[in-house]
C-alpha atoms as a PDB file:
ATOM      1  CA  UNK A   1       0.000   0.000   0.000  1.00  0.00           C
ATOM      2  CA  UNK A   2       1.253   3.447  -0.898  1.00  0.00           C
ATOM      3  CA  UNK A   3       2.052   5.761   2.002  1.00  0.00           C
ATOM      4  CA  UNK A   4      -0.800   8.196   2.644  1.00  0.00           C
ATOM      5  CA  UNK A   5       1.621  11.057   3.239  1.00  0.00           C
ATOM      6  CA  UNK A   6       4.127  12.713   0.930  1.00  0.00           C
ATOM      7  CA  UNK A   7       7.352  14.092   2.411  1.00  0.00           C
ATOM      8  CA  UNK A   8       9.445  17.104   1.447  1.00  0.00           C
ATOM      9  CA  UNK A   9      11.965  15.014  -0.520  1.00  0.00           C
ATOM     10  CA  UNK A  10       9.162  13.625  -2.682  1.00  0.00           C
ATOM     11  CA  UNK A  11       7.495  17.032  -3.096  1.00  0.00           C
ATOM     12  CA  UNK A  12      10.816  18.586  -4.165  1.00  0.00           C
ATOM     13  CA  UNK A  13      11.400  15.793  -6.675  1.00  0.00           C
ATOM     14  CA  UNK A  14       7.815  15.858  -7.997  1.00  0.00           C
ATOM     15  CA  UNK A  15       7.822  19.630  -8.571  1.00  0.00           C
ATOM     16  CA  UNK A  16      11.547  20.036  -9.316  1.00  0.00           C
ATOM     17  CA  UNK A  17      11.949  22.624  -6.555  1.00  0.00           C
ATOM     18  CA  UNK A  18      14.358  23.008  -3.650  1.00  0.00           C
ATOM     19  CA  UNK A  19      13.784  21.114  -0.425  1.00  0.00           C
ATOM     20  CA  UNK A  20      13.244  24.355   1.590  1.00  0.00           C
ATOM     21  CA  UNK A  21      10.545  25.400  -0.897  1.00  0.00           C
ATOM     22  CA  UNK A  22       8.956  21.953  -0.632  1.00  0.00           C
ATOM     23  CA  UNK A  23       8.753  22.425   3.152  1.00  0.00           C
ATOM     24  CA  UNK A  24       7.130  25.839   2.596  1.00  0.00           C
ATOM     25  CA  UNK A  25       4.479  24.258   0.352  1.00  0.00           C
ATOM     26  CA  UNK A  26       3.842  21.500   2.887  1.00  0.00           C
ATOM     27  CA  UNK A  27       3.391  24.097   5.655  1.00  0.00           C
ATOM     28  CA  UNK A  28       0.897  25.995   3.489  1.00  0.00           C
ATOM     29  CA  UNK A  29      -1.098  22.865   2.644  1.00  0.00           C
ATOM     30  CA  UNK A  30      -1.080  21.744   6.281  1.00  0.00           C
ATOM     31  CA  UNK A  31      -2.371  25.170   7.367  1.00  0.00           C
ATOM     32  CA  UNK A  32      -5.262  24.757   4.919  1.00  0.00           C
ATOM     33  CA  UNK A  33      -6.000  21.287   6.316  1.00  0.00           C
ATOM     34  CA  UNK A  34      -5.833  22.559   9.922  1.00  0.00           C
ATOM     35  CA  UNK A  35      -8.326  25.302   9.047  1.00  0.00           C
ATOM     36  CA  UNK A  36     -10.677  22.531   7.874  1.00  0.00           C
ATOM     37  CA  UNK A  37     -10.286  20.748  11.208  1.00  0.00           C
ATOM     38  CA  UNK A  38      -7.824  18.012  10.173  1.00  0.00           C
ATOM     39  CA  UNK A  39      -4.867  16.864  12.232  1.00  0.00           C
ATOM     40  CA  UNK A  40      -1.568  17.369  10.413  1.00  0.00           C
ATOM     41  CA  UNK A  41       1.993  16.092  10.731  1.00  0.00           C
ATOM     42  CA  UNK A  42       4.888  18.540  10.345  1.00  0.00           C
ATOM     43  CA  UNK A  43       7.022  17.865   7.281  1.00  0.00           C
ATOM     44  CA  UNK A  44       4.390  15.669   5.647  1.00  0.00           C
ATOM     45  CA  UNK A  45       1.108  16.294   3.882  1.00  0.00           C
ATOM     46  CA  UNK A  46      -1.712  14.028   2.814  1.00  0.00           C
ATOM     47  CA  UNK A  47      -0.768  12.694  -0.625  1.00  0.00           C
ATOM     48  CA  UNK A  48      -4.316  12.929  -2.021  1.00  0.00           C
ATOM     49  CA  UNK A  49      -4.712  16.536  -0.847  1.00  0.00           C
ATOM     50  CA  UNK A  50      -1.324  17.428  -2.355  1.00  0.00           C
ATOM     51  CA  UNK A  51      -2.337  16.113  -5.786  1.00  0.00           C
ATOM     52  CA  UNK A  52      -5.794  17.700  -5.593  1.00  0.00           C
ATOM     53  CA  UNK A  53      -4.376  21.149  -4.767  1.00  0.00           C
ATOM     54  CA  UNK A  54      -1.500  21.022  -7.254  1.00  0.00           C
ATOM     55  CA  UNK A  55      -3.039  19.208 -10.200  1.00  0.00           C
ATOM     56  CA  UNK A  56      -6.791  19.331  -9.683  1.00  0.00           C
ATOM     57  CA  UNK A  57      -7.168  15.680  -8.648  1.00  0.00           C
ATOM     58  CA  UNK A  58      -5.169  12.756  -7.310  1.00  0.00           C
ATOM     59  CA  UNK A  59      -4.198  11.442 -10.753  1.00  0.00           C
ATOM     60  CA  UNK A  60      -2.421  14.625 -11.788  1.00  0.00           C
ATOM     61  CA  UNK A  61      -4.882  15.696 -14.509  1.00  0.00           C
ATOM     62  CA  UNK A  62      -6.661  18.993 -14.435  1.00  0.00           C
ATOM     63  CA  UNK A  63     -10.420  18.960 -14.042  1.00  0.00           C
ATOM     64  CA  UNK A  64     -11.869  19.362 -17.484  1.00  0.00           C
ATOM     65  CA  UNK A  65      -9.042  17.543 -19.268  1.00  0.00           C
ATOM     66  CA  UNK A  66     -11.295  14.493 -19.506  1.00  0.00           C
ATOM     67  CA  UNK A  67     -13.856  16.606 -21.353  1.00  0.00           C
ATOM     68  CA  UNK A  68     -11.247  18.018 -23.748  1.00  0.00           C
ATOM     69  CA  UNK A  69      -9.803  14.572 -24.397  1.00  0.00           C
ATOM     70  CA  UNK A  70     -13.175  13.297 -25.613  1.00  0.00           C
ATOM     71  CA  UNK A  71     -13.633  16.114 -28.166  1.00  0.00           C
END
């Protein structure tokens, strides 16, 4: 089973950014989750939430791409 959380190393690699910037993004996403009442872990963020916020859904495709692909 895939880990439910993504760490800074993976975020940095996925987005091709520095590790400090990856930590900044994780902090921002965790603040959003805390505001919604979720418990967060420093230095990690829920993998599904990460993909939803960055790409539109957990598969990495923007919402609406499915519609455009069928045209």
